[in-house]
Amino acid sequence: MTDGRGRARAREDIKRELSTIVEFEARDPVIRDAFPTVMDVKLSVDGRYAKVYIALGDVTADKAEIIKAFARDRGFFRTQLAKRLTTRYTPQIEFVLDETVEWAMRLGKLLQDEDDELPST
């Protein structure tokens, strides 16, 4: 996995497979109720470590509890990923909360509020 295309392909494969696993096969009700989405995967140079960025559909949920649930079920996700990938190594997975969607929604709301306050001509 030293070339850029190979790593990019591996990242996309991991992202696609983990998306399916998280959406359809997660057994933990804390994870299922949060409606998580795999946003991105950052893969180390040697392909042994992956940071998986997760966005939550339920923004009112307890984020710390959801990240703990992902950390607790990390072995399950890695095992399911190993069954589907054809790589030499299945990477160690670290789940990170991705809040860019929330920030974008907040920013959009702020901009909309500013537009509403402007006088129309």
Protein backbone atom coordinates (compact mmCIF):
# COMPACT_ATOMS: atom_id res chain seq x y z
CA MET A 1 0.00 0.00 0.00
CA THR A 2 2.81 2.41 -0.71
CA ASP A 3 1.24 4.02 -3.76
CA GLY A 4 -1.47 6.65 -3.42
CA ARG A 5 -4.04 4.88 -5.57
CA GLY A 6 -3.79 1.67 -3.58
CA ARG A 7 -4.27 3.47 -0.28
CA ALA A 8 -7.15 5.51 -1.69
CA ARG A 9 -8.83 2.34 -2.92
CA ALA A 10 -8.29 0.66 0.47
CA ARG A 11 -9.77 3.70 2.25
CA GLU A 12 -12.85 3.62 0.03
CA ASP A 13 -13.26 -0.14 0.52
CA ILE A 14 -13.04 0.26 4.30
CA LYS A 15 -15.47 3.18 4.23
CA ARG A 16 -18.00 1.32 2.08
CA GLU A 17 -17.88 -1.88 4.11
CA LEU A 18 -17.94 -0.15 7.50
CA SER A 19 -20.89 1.96 6.36
CA THR A 20 -22.83 -1.20 5.61
CA ILE A 21 -21.80 -2.86 8.87
CA VAL A 22 -22.65 0.18 11.00
CA GLU A 23 -25.97 0.81 9.30
CA PHE A 24 -27.33 -2.72 9.02
CA GLU A 25 -25.44 -5.03 11.38
CA ALA A 26 -24.71 -3.06 14.55
CA ARG A 27 -26.44 -4.79 17.43
CA ASP A 28 -25.90 -2.16 20.11
CA PRO A 29 -29.12 -0.13 20.54
CA VAL A 30 -27.09 2.96 21.49
CA ILE A 31 -25.40 2.87 18.09
CA ARG A 32 -28.54 1.99 16.13
CA ASP A 33 -30.62 4.74 17.74
CA ALA A 34 -28.02 7.41 16.90
CA PHE A 35 -28.33 6.78 13.13
CA PRO A 36 -24.55 7.02 12.53
CA THR A 37 -22.99 7.64 9.13
CA VAL A 38 -19.39 6.87 8.20
CA MET A 39 -18.14 10.16 6.77
CA ASP A 40 -14.46 9.46 6.15
CA VAL A 41 -11.63 7.05 6.85
CA LYS A 42 -8.02 8.07 7.37
CA LEU A 43 -5.64 5.19 6.86
CA SER A 44 -2.08 5.07 8.17
CA VAL A 45 0.77 4.70 5.68
CA ASP A 46 1.25 1.01 6.48
CA GLY A 47 -2.50 0.33 6.48
CA ARG A 48 -2.61 -1.05 10.01
CA TYR A 49 -4.52 1.79 11.66
CA ALA A 50 -7.69 3.52 10.54
CA LYS A 51 -9.44 6.55 11.98
CA VAL A 52 -13.12 6.37 11.14
CA TYR A 53 -15.06 9.63 11.29
CA ILE A 54 -18.70 9.16 12.30
CA ALA A 55 -21.52 11.70 11.98
CA LEU A 56 -24.67 11.23 14.03
CA GLY A 57 -28.17 11.57 12.67
CA ASP A 58 -29.62 12.16 16.14
CA VAL A 59 -27.93 15.36 17.31
CA THR A 60 -29.70 15.28 20.69
CA ALA A 61 -28.06 11.99 21.68
CA ASP A 62 -25.32 11.73 24.29
CA LYS A 63 -22.22 11.84 22.09
CA ALA A 64 -19.85 10.54 24.76
CA GLU A 65 -22.04 7.48 25.29
CA ILE A 66 -22.17 6.77 21.56
CA ILE A 67 -18.38 7.02 21.16
CA LYS A 68 -18.00 4.67 24.16
CA ALA A 69 -20.36 2.22 22.45
CA PHE A 70 -18.30 2.36 19.26
CA ALA A 71 -15.10 1.79 21.26
CA ARG A 72 -16.73 -1.11 23.08
CA ASP A 73 -17.88 -2.74 19.81
CA ARG A 74 -14.63 -2.05 17.94
CA GLY A 75 -13.77 -5.77 17.90
CA PHE A 76 -17.09 -6.66 16.27
CA PHE A 77 -16.60 -4.04 13.54
CA ARG A 78 -13.03 -5.18 12.89
CA THR A 79 -14.06 -8.84 12.68
CA GLN A 80 -16.84 -8.08 10.22
CA LEU A 81 -14.46 -5.90 8.21
CA ALA A 82 -11.86 -8.69 8.09
CA LYS A 83 -14.44 -11.06 6.61
CA ARG A 84 -15.11 -8.67 3.73
CA LEU A 85 -11.71 -7.20 2.87
CA THR A 86 -9.03 -8.91 0.84
CA THR A 87 -6.12 -6.98 2.33
CA ARG A 88 -3.22 -8.53 4.15
CA TYR A 89 -4.00 -6.67 7.38
CA THR A 90 -7.27 -5.57 8.86
CA PRO A 91 -6.59 -2.19 10.41
CA GLN A 92 -7.08 -1.35 14.07
CA ILE A 93 -10.09 0.95 14.14
CA GLU A 94 -10.47 4.17 16.10
CA PHE A 95 -13.84 5.90 15.91
CA VAL A 96 -13.92 9.71 16.01
CA LEU A 97 -16.98 11.91 16.13
CA ASP A 98 -17.25 14.11 13.03
CA GLU A 99 -19.10 17.31 13.86
CA THR A 100 -18.71 19.09 10.52
CA VAL A 101 -22.33 18.39 9.55
CA GLU A 102 -23.54 19.94 12.81
CA TRP A 103 -21.28 22.96 12.34
CA ALA A 104 -22.53 23.42 8.78
CA MET A 105 -26.14 23.28 9.95
CA ARG A 106 -25.42 25.81 12.71
CA LEU A 107 -23.64 28.10 10.27
CA GLY A 108 -26.49 27.83 7.79
CA LYS A 109 -28.98 28.70 10.51
CA LEU A 110 -26.90 31.73 11.55
CA LEU A 111 -26.68 32.91 7.97
CA GLN A 112 -30.40 32.41 7.48
CA ASP A 113 -31.10 34.44 10.64
CA GLU A 114 -28.87 37.22 9.29
CA ASP A 115 -30.72 37.18 5.95
CA ASP A 116 -34.04 37.45 7.76
CA GLU A 117 -32.83 40.55 9.63
CA LEU A 118 -31.69 42.40 6.50
CA PRO A 119 -34.16 44.95 5.17
CA SER A 120 -35.58 44.04 1.80
CA THR A 121 -35.22 46.61 -0.98
